[in-house]
Amino acid sequence: MNDSNPTERAASASPADGTDPAAPAQHSASGWPGHLAVGAVRFARPSAQLDAVRAFYVDDIGLPVLAEWRGHAGYDGLVVGLPGTPVHMEITQHGDPPRIPAPHPENQLVLYLENQAAHDRAVAHLTARGHHPVPAANPYWPDHGATLFEDPDGWLVVLAPWVFGRDPVPTRREEPGP
């Protein structure tokens, strides 16, 4: 191959299907870029209190456990997910004592609930389980009716009363006057 010939260099780097890897992403019928055939999405985060975090997400919020392990190469962890969807959250604990980054107010798990009634039921459930709403750093969430809770590691869970991408974002909720 002649490295000084850009056409020859590009042709040799193309995948077997003949596509140009440097071309802008084209989206498939599923909405994913054609070069990125994603079947599931998993977000991972560390925990310093895995058992308490497990109780919060599984027992209090109600997410099902998809996988769980102890002592795998020094890691303990679990994977929780949304029923019927390929969206998962992996939470791991490692080290003695486990060391994790400090929570940041923009590190959030946002659960878009079906409607205001579903939001209100979820807030009432978490409150009855001993959790209390916390203030949002970003006014967007309370301005649109969402409620935030902290998990045992201090990471935030946002309960929003609409489904992103499907429903219009609710208008600002006015607090009742005196």
N, C-alpha and C. Protein backbone atom coordinates (compact mmCIF):
# COMPACT_ATOMS: atom_id res chain seq x y z
N MET A 1 0.85 -1.19 0.00
CA MET A 1 0.00 0.00 0.00
C MET A 1 0.88 1.23 0.00
N ASN A 2 0.45 2.26 -0.68
CA ASN A 2 1.16 3.52 -0.74
C ASN A 2 0.54 4.47 0.28
N ASP A 3 1.22 4.72 1.43
CA ASP A 3 0.67 5.58 2.49
C ASP A 3 0.47 7.02 2.05
N SER A 4 1.11 7.43 0.98
CA SER A 4 0.95 8.81 0.53
C SER A 4 -0.33 8.97 -0.29
N ASN A 5 -1.00 7.88 -0.63
CA ASN A 5 -2.22 7.95 -1.42
C ASN A 5 -3.42 7.85 -0.48
N PRO A 6 -4.11 9.00 -0.20
CA PRO A 6 -5.23 8.97 0.75
C PRO A 6 -6.36 8.06 0.32
N THR A 7 -6.64 7.92 -0.96
CA THR A 7 -7.72 7.05 -1.43
C THR A 7 -7.40 5.61 -1.09
N GLU A 8 -6.17 5.19 -1.35
CA GLU A 8 -5.77 3.81 -1.05
C GLU A 8 -5.81 3.57 0.46
N ARG A 9 -5.35 4.55 1.24
CA ARG A 9 -5.34 4.42 2.70
C ARG A 9 -6.77 4.29 3.22
N ALA A 10 -7.69 5.12 2.75
CA ALA A 10 -9.08 5.07 3.21
C ALA A 10 -9.75 3.76 2.80
N ALA A 11 -9.49 3.30 1.60
CA ALA A 11 -10.11 2.06 1.13
C ALA A 11 -9.66 0.88 1.97
N SER A 12 -8.41 0.87 2.37
CA SER A 12 -7.92 -0.26 3.16
C SER A 12 -8.45 -0.23 4.58
N ALA A 13 -8.91 0.94 5.06
CA ALA A 13 -9.41 1.05 6.43
C ALA A 13 -10.91 0.81 6.51
N SER A 14 -11.61 0.70 5.37
CA SER A 14 -13.05 0.52 5.38
C SER A 14 -13.42 -0.87 5.87
N PRO A 15 -14.53 -0.97 6.61
CA PRO A 15 -14.99 -2.28 7.05
C PRO A 15 -15.42 -3.14 5.87
N ALA A 16 -15.64 -4.41 6.14
CA ALA A 16 -16.00 -5.38 5.10
C ALA A 16 -17.30 -5.01 4.40
N ASP A 17 -18.19 -4.26 5.08
CA ASP A 17 -19.47 -3.93 4.45
C ASP A 17 -19.35 -2.75 3.48
N GLY A 18 -18.13 -2.20 3.33
CA GLY A 18 -17.92 -1.14 2.36
C GLY A 18 -18.25 0.25 2.86
N THR A 19 -18.68 0.41 4.10
CA THR A 19 -19.00 1.73 4.61
C THR A 19 -17.72 2.48 4.94
N ASP A 20 -17.81 3.78 4.93
CA ASP A 20 -16.67 4.63 5.25
C ASP A 20 -16.73 4.95 6.74
N PRO A 21 -15.77 4.46 7.55
CA PRO A 21 -15.84 4.70 8.99
C PRO A 21 -15.70 6.17 9.36
N ALA A 22 -15.19 7.00 8.46
CA ALA A 22 -15.04 8.43 8.77
C ALA A 22 -16.27 9.23 8.37
N ALA A 23 -17.24 8.61 7.72
CA ALA A 23 -18.44 9.32 7.28
C ALA A 23 -19.31 9.66 8.49
N PRO A 24 -20.10 10.73 8.40
CA PRO A 24 -21.02 11.05 9.50
C PRO A 24 -21.95 9.87 9.79
N ALA A 25 -22.33 9.74 11.04
CA ALA A 25 -23.18 8.62 11.46
C ALA A 25 -24.53 8.67 10.75
N GLN A 26 -24.95 7.54 10.25
CA GLN A 26 -26.27 7.37 9.67
C GLN A 26 -27.08 6.53 10.64
N HIS A 27 -28.33 6.88 10.88
CA HIS A 27 -29.13 6.18 11.87
C HIS A 27 -29.95 5.08 11.22
N SER A 28 -30.04 3.95 11.93
CA SER A 28 -30.81 2.81 11.46
C SER A 28 -32.28 3.02 11.78
N ALA A 29 -33.11 2.08 11.38
CA ALA A 29 -34.54 2.16 11.67
C ALA A 29 -34.81 2.21 13.16
N SER A 30 -33.91 1.62 13.98
CA SER A 30 -34.10 1.64 15.42
C SER A 30 -33.77 3.00 16.03
N GLY A 31 -33.15 3.88 15.25
CA GLY A 31 -32.76 5.18 15.76
C GLY A 31 -31.30 5.26 16.17
N TRP A 32 -30.66 4.10 16.32
CA TRP A 32 -29.24 4.07 16.67
C TRP A 32 -28.42 4.32 15.41
N PRO A 33 -27.23 4.93 15.56
CA PRO A 33 -26.36 5.07 14.39
C PRO A 33 -26.09 3.69 13.79
N GLY A 34 -26.03 3.62 12.47
CA GLY A 34 -25.83 2.35 11.79
C GLY A 34 -24.58 1.61 12.22
N HIS A 35 -23.55 2.34 12.63
CA HIS A 35 -22.30 1.68 13.04
C HIS A 35 -22.33 1.26 14.51
N LEU A 36 -23.42 1.51 15.21
CA LEU A 36 -23.50 1.24 16.65
C LEU A 36 -24.77 0.45 16.94
N ALA A 37 -24.73 -0.85 16.73
CA ALA A 37 -25.89 -1.71 16.87
C ALA A 37 -26.10 -2.08 18.35
N VAL A 38 -26.58 -1.13 19.13
CA VAL A 38 -26.75 -1.30 20.57
C VAL A 38 -27.99 -2.14 20.86
N GLY A 39 -27.83 -3.13 21.73
CA GLY A 39 -28.95 -3.96 22.15
C GLY A 39 -29.42 -3.64 23.56
N ALA A 40 -28.57 -3.00 24.35
CA ALA A 40 -28.93 -2.63 25.72
C ALA A 40 -28.00 -1.51 26.17
N VAL A 41 -28.42 -0.78 27.20
CA VAL A 41 -27.62 0.28 27.79
C VAL A 41 -27.51 0.01 29.29
N ARG A 42 -26.28 0.07 29.79
CA ARG A 42 -26.06 -0.09 31.22
C ARG A 42 -25.19 1.05 31.71
N PHE A 43 -25.66 1.70 32.78
CA PHE A 43 -24.88 2.72 33.46
C PHE A 43 -24.29 2.07 34.70
N ALA A 44 -23.06 2.40 35.02
CA ALA A 44 -22.42 1.81 36.19
C ALA A 44 -21.95 2.92 37.13
N ARG A 45 -22.02 2.65 38.42
CA ARG A 45 -21.55 3.60 39.42
C ARG A 45 -21.09 2.85 40.65
N PRO A 46 -20.18 3.44 41.40
CA PRO A 46 -19.69 2.79 42.61
C PRO A 46 -20.58 3.10 43.81
N SER A 47 -20.41 2.31 44.84
CA SER A 47 -21.12 2.53 46.10
C SER A 47 -20.19 2.26 47.27
N ALA A 48 -20.36 3.00 48.34
CA ALA A 48 -19.65 2.74 49.58
C ALA A 48 -20.55 2.02 50.58
N GLN A 49 -21.83 1.87 50.22
CA GLN A 49 -22.82 1.26 51.11
C GLN A 49 -23.73 0.35 50.30
N LEU A 50 -23.16 -0.67 49.70
CA LEU A 50 -23.90 -1.49 48.74
C LEU A 50 -25.18 -2.08 49.32
N ASP A 51 -25.15 -2.61 50.52
CA ASP A 51 -26.35 -3.23 51.08
C ASP A 51 -27.47 -2.20 51.26
N ALA A 52 -27.13 -1.03 51.76
CA ALA A 52 -28.15 0.02 51.95
C ALA A 52 -28.64 0.55 50.61
N VAL A 53 -27.74 0.68 49.64
CA VAL A 53 -28.13 1.14 48.30
C VAL A 53 -29.02 0.10 47.63
N ARG A 54 -28.68 -1.19 47.82
CA ARG A 54 -29.52 -2.26 47.27
C ARG A 54 -30.93 -2.16 47.84
N ALA A 55 -31.03 -1.99 49.17
CA ALA A 55 -32.34 -1.88 49.80
C ALA A 55 -33.12 -0.69 49.24
N PHE A 56 -32.43 0.43 49.03
CA PHE A 56 -33.10 1.63 48.51
C PHE A 56 -33.68 1.37 47.11
N TYR A 57 -32.85 0.88 46.19
CA TYR A 57 -33.30 0.71 44.81
C TYR A 57 -34.23 -0.49 44.62
N VAL A 58 -34.02 -1.55 45.37
CA VAL A 58 -34.82 -2.76 45.19
C VAL A 58 -36.06 -2.74 46.09
N ASP A 59 -35.86 -2.57 47.39
CA ASP A 59 -36.99 -2.64 48.32
C ASP A 59 -37.84 -1.37 48.32
N ASP A 60 -37.18 -0.21 48.26
CA ASP A 60 -37.92 1.04 48.39
C ASP A 60 -38.43 1.56 47.05
N ILE A 61 -37.57 1.63 46.04
CA ILE A 61 -38.03 2.10 44.73
C ILE A 61 -38.76 0.98 43.99
N GLY A 62 -38.25 -0.25 44.08
CA GLY A 62 -38.94 -1.38 43.46
C GLY A 62 -38.32 -1.89 42.18
N LEU A 63 -37.07 -1.49 41.88
CA LEU A 63 -36.44 -2.01 40.67
C LEU A 63 -36.06 -3.47 40.86
N PRO A 64 -36.28 -4.31 39.85
CA PRO A 64 -35.91 -5.72 39.99
C PRO A 64 -34.39 -5.91 39.86
N VAL A 65 -33.88 -6.91 40.56
CA VAL A 65 -32.48 -7.30 40.46
C VAL A 65 -32.32 -8.21 39.25
N LEU A 66 -31.44 -7.83 38.34
CA LEU A 66 -31.18 -8.63 37.15
C LEU A 66 -29.96 -9.53 37.34
N ALA A 67 -29.03 -9.09 38.18
CA ALA A 67 -27.83 -9.87 38.49
C ALA A 67 -27.27 -9.37 39.81
N GLU A 68 -26.55 -10.25 40.49
CA GLU A 68 -25.95 -9.87 41.78
C GLU A 68 -24.76 -10.78 42.03
N TRP A 69 -23.69 -10.25 42.62
CA TRP A 69 -22.50 -11.05 42.90
C TRP A 69 -21.78 -10.52 44.12
N ARG A 70 -21.01 -11.40 44.71
CA ARG A 70 -20.15 -11.07 45.86
C ARG A 70 -18.78 -11.68 45.61
N GLY A 71 -17.74 -10.91 45.91
CA GLY A 71 -16.39 -11.42 45.87
C GLY A 71 -15.85 -11.76 44.50
N HIS A 72 -16.32 -11.12 43.46
CA HIS A 72 -15.78 -11.36 42.12
C HIS A 72 -14.58 -10.42 41.92
N ALA A 73 -13.38 -10.97 42.02
CA ALA A 73 -12.14 -10.19 41.88
C ALA A 73 -12.13 -8.99 42.81
N GLY A 74 -12.70 -9.17 44.00
CA GLY A 74 -12.73 -8.09 44.98
C GLY A 74 -13.91 -7.15 44.85
N TYR A 75 -14.83 -7.44 43.94
CA TYR A 75 -16.00 -6.59 43.73
C TYR A 75 -17.26 -7.30 44.19
N ASP A 76 -18.13 -6.53 44.81
CA ASP A 76 -19.50 -6.94 45.08
C ASP A 76 -20.37 -6.03 44.22
N GLY A 77 -21.52 -6.52 43.81
CA GLY A 77 -22.36 -5.65 43.01
C GLY A 77 -23.70 -6.22 42.67
N LEU A 78 -24.47 -5.39 42.02
CA LEU A 78 -25.77 -5.81 41.52
C LEU A 78 -26.11 -4.99 40.29
N VAL A 79 -27.01 -5.54 39.50
CA VAL A 79 -27.55 -4.84 38.33
C VAL A 79 -29.05 -4.81 38.53
N VAL A 80 -29.61 -3.60 38.47
CA VAL A 80 -31.06 -3.42 38.53
C VAL A 80 -31.50 -2.87 37.18
N GLY A 81 -32.77 -3.06 36.87
CA GLY A 81 -33.24 -2.58 35.57
C GLY A 81 -34.70 -2.24 35.59
N LEU A 82 -35.12 -1.66 34.49
CA LEU A 82 -36.53 -1.36 34.32
C LEU A 82 -37.19 -2.57 33.69
N PRO A 83 -38.28 -3.06 34.26
CA PRO A 83 -38.93 -4.25 33.71
C PRO A 83 -39.25 -4.09 32.23
N GLY A 84 -38.88 -5.11 31.46
CA GLY A 84 -39.19 -5.14 30.04
C GLY A 84 -38.36 -4.22 29.17
N THR A 85 -37.30 -3.63 29.71
CA THR A 85 -36.47 -2.74 28.89
C THR A 85 -35.01 -3.16 28.98
N PRO A 86 -34.23 -2.81 27.99
CA PRO A 86 -32.79 -3.10 28.02
C PRO A 86 -31.98 -1.95 28.62
N VAL A 87 -32.51 -1.37 29.70
CA VAL A 87 -31.82 -0.27 30.39
C VAL A 87 -31.51 -0.75 31.79
N HIS A 88 -30.23 -0.70 32.15
CA HIS A 88 -29.79 -1.26 33.43
C HIS A 88 -28.89 -0.28 34.16
N MET A 89 -28.82 -0.44 35.49
CA MET A 89 -27.87 0.29 36.30
C MET A 89 -27.09 -0.72 37.12
N GLU A 90 -25.77 -0.67 36.99
CA GLU A 90 -24.87 -1.55 37.75
C GLU A 90 -24.28 -0.74 38.90
N ILE A 91 -24.31 -1.32 40.09
CA ILE A 91 -23.75 -0.67 41.26
C ILE A 91 -22.73 -1.63 41.86
N THR A 92 -21.50 -1.15 42.02
CA THR A 92 -20.45 -2.01 42.54
C THR A 92 -19.79 -1.39 43.76
N GLN A 93 -19.23 -2.27 44.58
CA GLN A 93 -18.48 -1.85 45.75
C GLN A 93 -17.14 -2.59 45.71
N HIS A 94 -16.06 -1.86 45.97
CA HIS A 94 -14.72 -2.43 45.88
C HIS A 94 -13.83 -1.73 46.89
N GLY A 95 -12.95 -2.51 47.51
CA GLY A 95 -11.98 -1.93 48.43
C GLY A 95 -12.43 -2.01 49.86
N ASP A 96 -11.47 -1.85 50.76
CA ASP A 96 -11.77 -1.89 52.19
C ASP A 96 -10.99 -0.79 52.88
N PRO A 97 -11.61 0.34 53.17
CA PRO A 97 -13.02 0.66 52.92
C PRO A 97 -13.23 1.08 51.46
N PRO A 98 -14.46 0.91 50.99
CA PRO A 98 -14.73 1.34 49.62
C PRO A 98 -14.58 2.86 49.51
N ARG A 99 -13.99 3.31 48.44
CA ARG A 99 -13.81 4.74 48.20
C ARG A 99 -14.55 5.10 46.91
N ILE A 100 -15.41 6.09 47.02
CA ILE A 100 -16.16 6.52 45.85
C ILE A 100 -16.05 8.04 45.73
N PRO A 101 -16.29 8.57 44.53
CA PRO A 101 -16.27 10.03 44.39
C PRO A 101 -17.44 10.64 45.16
N ALA A 102 -17.26 11.87 45.59
CA ALA A 102 -18.34 12.57 46.27
C ALA A 102 -19.51 12.75 45.30
N PRO A 103 -20.73 12.63 45.78
CA PRO A 103 -21.88 12.84 44.90
C PRO A 103 -21.87 14.27 44.36
N HIS A 104 -22.32 14.41 43.16
CA HIS A 104 -22.46 15.72 42.53
C HIS A 104 -23.94 15.92 42.23
N PRO A 105 -24.46 17.13 42.37
CA PRO A 105 -25.91 17.32 42.16
C PRO A 105 -26.40 17.03 40.76
N GLU A 106 -25.49 16.92 39.80
CA GLU A 106 -25.92 16.58 38.44
C GLU A 106 -25.76 15.10 38.13
N ASN A 107 -25.25 14.30 39.08
CA ASN A 107 -25.25 12.84 38.93
C ASN A 107 -26.61 12.36 39.40
N GLN A 108 -27.47 12.04 38.46
CA GLN A 108 -28.86 11.73 38.78
C GLN A 108 -29.33 10.51 38.01
N LEU A 109 -30.18 9.75 38.65
CA LEU A 109 -30.98 8.75 37.96
C LEU A 109 -32.35 9.39 37.83
N VAL A 110 -32.80 9.62 36.61
CA VAL A 110 -34.10 10.25 36.39
C VAL A 110 -35.07 9.17 35.97
N LEU A 111 -36.13 9.01 36.73
CA LEU A 111 -37.21 8.08 36.40
C LEU A 111 -38.40 8.91 35.93
N TYR A 112 -38.69 8.81 34.65
CA TYR A 112 -39.83 9.52 34.07
C TYR A 112 -41.05 8.64 34.26
N LEU A 113 -41.96 9.10 35.10
CA LEU A 113 -43.14 8.31 35.46
C LEU A 113 -44.29 8.62 34.51
N GLU A 114 -45.23 7.72 34.46
CA GLU A 114 -46.31 7.79 33.46
C GLU A 114 -47.15 9.06 33.52
N ASN A 115 -47.35 9.61 34.72
CA ASN A 115 -48.19 10.79 34.85
C ASN A 115 -48.07 11.34 36.28
N GLN A 116 -48.82 12.38 36.57
CA GLN A 116 -48.76 13.01 37.89
C GLN A 116 -49.21 12.04 38.99
N ALA A 117 -50.22 11.24 38.73
CA ALA A 117 -50.69 10.29 39.75
C ALA A 117 -49.60 9.26 40.07
N ALA A 118 -48.90 8.77 39.05
CA ALA A 118 -47.80 7.82 39.28
C ALA A 118 -46.68 8.48 40.09
N HIS A 119 -46.38 9.73 39.77
CA HIS A 119 -45.38 10.50 40.53
C HIS A 119 -45.79 10.61 41.99
N ASP A 120 -47.03 11.00 42.22
CA ASP A 120 -47.51 11.19 43.59
C ASP A 120 -47.49 9.88 44.38
N ARG A 121 -47.85 8.76 43.74
CA ARG A 121 -47.79 7.46 44.42
C ARG A 121 -46.35 7.10 44.77
N ALA A 122 -45.41 7.33 43.86
CA ALA A 122 -44.00 7.02 44.12
C ALA A 122 -43.44 7.88 45.24
N VAL A 123 -43.77 9.15 45.26
CA VAL A 123 -43.31 10.05 46.33
C VAL A 123 -43.90 9.60 47.66
N ALA A 124 -45.19 9.29 47.69
CA ALA A 124 -45.83 8.84 48.93
C ALA A 124 -45.21 7.53 49.41
N HIS A 125 -44.90 6.62 48.50
CA HIS A 125 -44.29 5.34 48.85
C HIS A 125 -42.91 5.55 49.48
N LEU A 126 -42.07 6.34 48.83
CA LEU A 126 -40.73 6.58 49.38
C LEU A 126 -40.80 7.32 50.71
N THR A 127 -41.72 8.26 50.84
CA THR A 127 -41.88 8.98 52.10
C THR A 127 -42.32 8.02 53.20
N ALA A 128 -43.26 7.14 52.90
CA ALA A 128 -43.72 6.15 53.88
C ALA A 128 -42.60 5.19 54.28
N ARG A 129 -41.61 4.99 53.40
CA ARG A 129 -40.48 4.11 53.70
C ARG A 129 -39.36 4.87 54.42
N GLY A 130 -39.63 6.13 54.81
CA GLY A 130 -38.67 6.89 55.61
C GLY A 130 -37.74 7.81 54.84
N HIS A 131 -37.96 7.97 53.55
CA HIS A 131 -37.12 8.87 52.75
C HIS A 131 -37.82 10.21 52.62
N HIS A 132 -37.03 11.26 52.48
CA HIS A 132 -37.60 12.61 52.40
C HIS A 132 -37.06 13.32 51.16
N PRO A 133 -37.93 14.05 50.47
CA PRO A 133 -37.46 14.80 49.31
C PRO A 133 -36.33 15.75 49.69
N VAL A 134 -35.44 15.97 48.74
CA VAL A 134 -34.31 16.89 48.93
C VAL A 134 -34.40 17.99 47.88
N PRO A 135 -33.82 19.16 48.18
CA PRO A 135 -33.86 20.25 47.20
C PRO A 135 -33.01 19.92 45.96
N ALA A 136 -33.43 20.45 44.85
CA ALA A 136 -32.70 20.28 43.59
C ALA A 136 -31.75 21.45 43.41
N ALA A 137 -30.54 21.17 42.95
CA ALA A 137 -29.60 22.25 42.61
C ALA A 137 -30.07 22.97 41.34
N ASN A 138 -30.64 22.21 40.41
CA ASN A 138 -31.11 22.76 39.15
C ASN A 138 -32.62 23.02 39.28
N PRO A 139 -33.06 24.26 39.15
CA PRO A 139 -34.49 24.56 39.34
C PRO A 139 -35.40 23.95 38.27
N TYR A 140 -34.81 23.42 37.20
CA TYR A 140 -35.63 22.80 36.15
C TYR A 140 -36.55 21.74 36.74
N TRP A 141 -36.01 20.90 37.63
CA TRP A 141 -36.81 19.78 38.14
C TRP A 141 -38.01 20.25 38.96
N PRO A 142 -37.84 21.05 40.01
CA PRO A 142 -39.04 21.47 40.74
C PRO A 142 -39.95 22.38 39.90
N ASP A 143 -39.36 23.14 38.98
CA ASP A 143 -40.19 23.99 38.13
C ASP A 143 -41.16 23.18 37.28
N HIS A 144 -40.83 21.90 37.05
CA HIS A 144 -41.67 21.05 36.21
C HIS A 144 -42.29 19.89 36.99
N GLY A 145 -42.36 20.05 38.31
CA GLY A 145 -43.10 19.10 39.13
C GLY A 145 -42.37 17.85 39.57
N ALA A 146 -41.06 17.77 39.33
CA ALA A 146 -40.30 16.58 39.73
C ALA A 146 -39.90 16.67 41.20
N THR A 147 -39.67 15.52 41.79
CA THR A 147 -39.26 15.42 43.19
C THR A 147 -37.97 14.61 43.25
N LEU A 148 -37.03 15.07 44.09
CA LEU A 148 -35.73 14.40 44.21
C LEU A 148 -35.58 13.75 45.56
N PHE A 149 -34.91 12.58 45.57
CA PHE A 149 -34.55 11.86 46.78
C PHE A 149 -33.07 11.50 46.68
N GLU A 150 -32.41 11.36 47.83
CA GLU A 150 -31.03 10.88 47.85
C GLU A 150 -31.00 9.41 48.17
N ASP A 151 -30.12 8.67 47.49
CA ASP A 151 -29.90 7.29 47.89
C ASP A 151 -28.90 7.28 49.05
N PRO A 152 -28.63 6.15 49.68
CA PRO A 152 -27.73 6.13 50.84
C PRO A 152 -26.32 6.63 50.58
N ASP A 153 -25.85 6.63 49.32
CA ASP A 153 -24.55 7.20 49.00
C ASP A 153 -24.62 8.70 48.71
N GLY A 154 -25.83 9.26 48.70
CA GLY A 154 -26.00 10.68 48.42
C GLY A 154 -26.24 11.00 46.95
N TRP A 155 -26.35 9.97 46.10
CA TRP A 155 -26.65 10.19 44.69
C TRP A 155 -28.15 10.45 44.55
N LEU A 156 -28.53 11.25 43.59
CA LEU A 156 -29.91 11.70 43.47
C LEU A 156 -30.74 10.84 42.53
N VAL A 157 -31.99 10.66 42.94
CA VAL A 157 -33.01 10.04 42.10
C VAL A 157 -34.08 11.10 41.87
N VAL A 158 -34.38 11.36 40.61
CA VAL A 158 -35.39 12.33 40.24
C VAL A 158 -36.63 11.57 39.80
N LEU A 159 -37.76 11.90 40.38
CA LEU A 159 -39.05 11.33 39.96
C LEU A 159 -39.78 12.43 39.19
N ALA A 160 -39.88 12.26 37.87
CA ALA A 160 -40.50 13.26 37.01
C ALA A 160 -41.89 12.78 36.59
N PRO A 161 -42.88 13.67 36.61
CA PRO A 161 -44.26 13.26 36.30
C PRO A 161 -44.62 13.30 34.81
N TRP A 162 -43.68 12.98 33.95
CA TRP A 162 -43.94 12.88 32.52
C TRP A 162 -42.89 11.95 31.91
N VAL A 163 -43.18 11.46 30.72
CA VAL A 163 -42.25 10.58 30.03
C VAL A 163 -41.52 11.41 28.98
N PHE A 164 -40.21 11.53 29.17
CA PHE A 164 -39.38 12.30 28.25
C PHE A 164 -39.49 11.74 26.84
N GLY A 165 -39.67 12.64 25.88
CA GLY A 165 -39.75 12.23 24.49
C GLY A 165 -41.13 11.78 24.05
N ARG A 166 -42.02 11.59 25.00
CA ARG A 166 -43.38 11.18 24.66
C ARG A 166 -44.37 12.26 25.04
N ASP A 167 -44.23 12.79 26.24
CA ASP A 167 -45.18 13.76 26.77
C ASP A 167 -44.59 15.17 26.74
N PRO A 168 -45.44 16.18 26.64
CA PRO A 168 -44.90 17.53 26.79
C PRO A 168 -44.41 17.73 28.23
N VAL A 169 -43.38 18.53 28.38
CA VAL A 169 -42.87 18.83 29.72
C VAL A 169 -43.92 19.66 30.44
N PRO A 170 -44.29 19.27 31.66
CA PRO A 170 -45.31 20.05 32.38
C PRO A 170 -44.86 21.49 32.58
N THR A 171 -45.85 22.37 32.60
CA THR A 171 -45.54 23.77 32.87
C THR A 171 -45.26 23.93 34.36
N ARG A 172 -44.71 25.05 34.70
CA ARG A 172 -44.31 25.33 36.07
C ARG A 172 -45.49 25.13 37.03
N ARG A 173 -45.20 24.35 38.10
CA ARG A 173 -46.23 24.14 39.12
C ARG A 173 -46.23 25.32 40.05
N GLU A 174 -47.37 25.92 40.20
CA GLU A 174 -47.51 27.06 41.12
C GLU A 174 -47.83 26.53 42.51
N GLU A 175 -47.14 27.07 43.49
CA GLU A 175 -47.42 26.71 44.87
C GLU A 175 -48.69 27.43 45.30
N PRO A 176 -49.52 26.78 46.14
CA PRO A 176 -50.73 27.45 46.60
C PRO A 176 -50.39 28.69 47.43
N GLY A 177 -51.14 29.73 47.25
CA GLY A 177 -50.91 30.98 47.97
C GLY A 177 -51.45 30.92 49.40
N PRO A 178 -51.18 31.95 50.18
CA PRO A 178 -51.67 31.98 51.58
C PRO A 178 -53.17 32.12 51.68
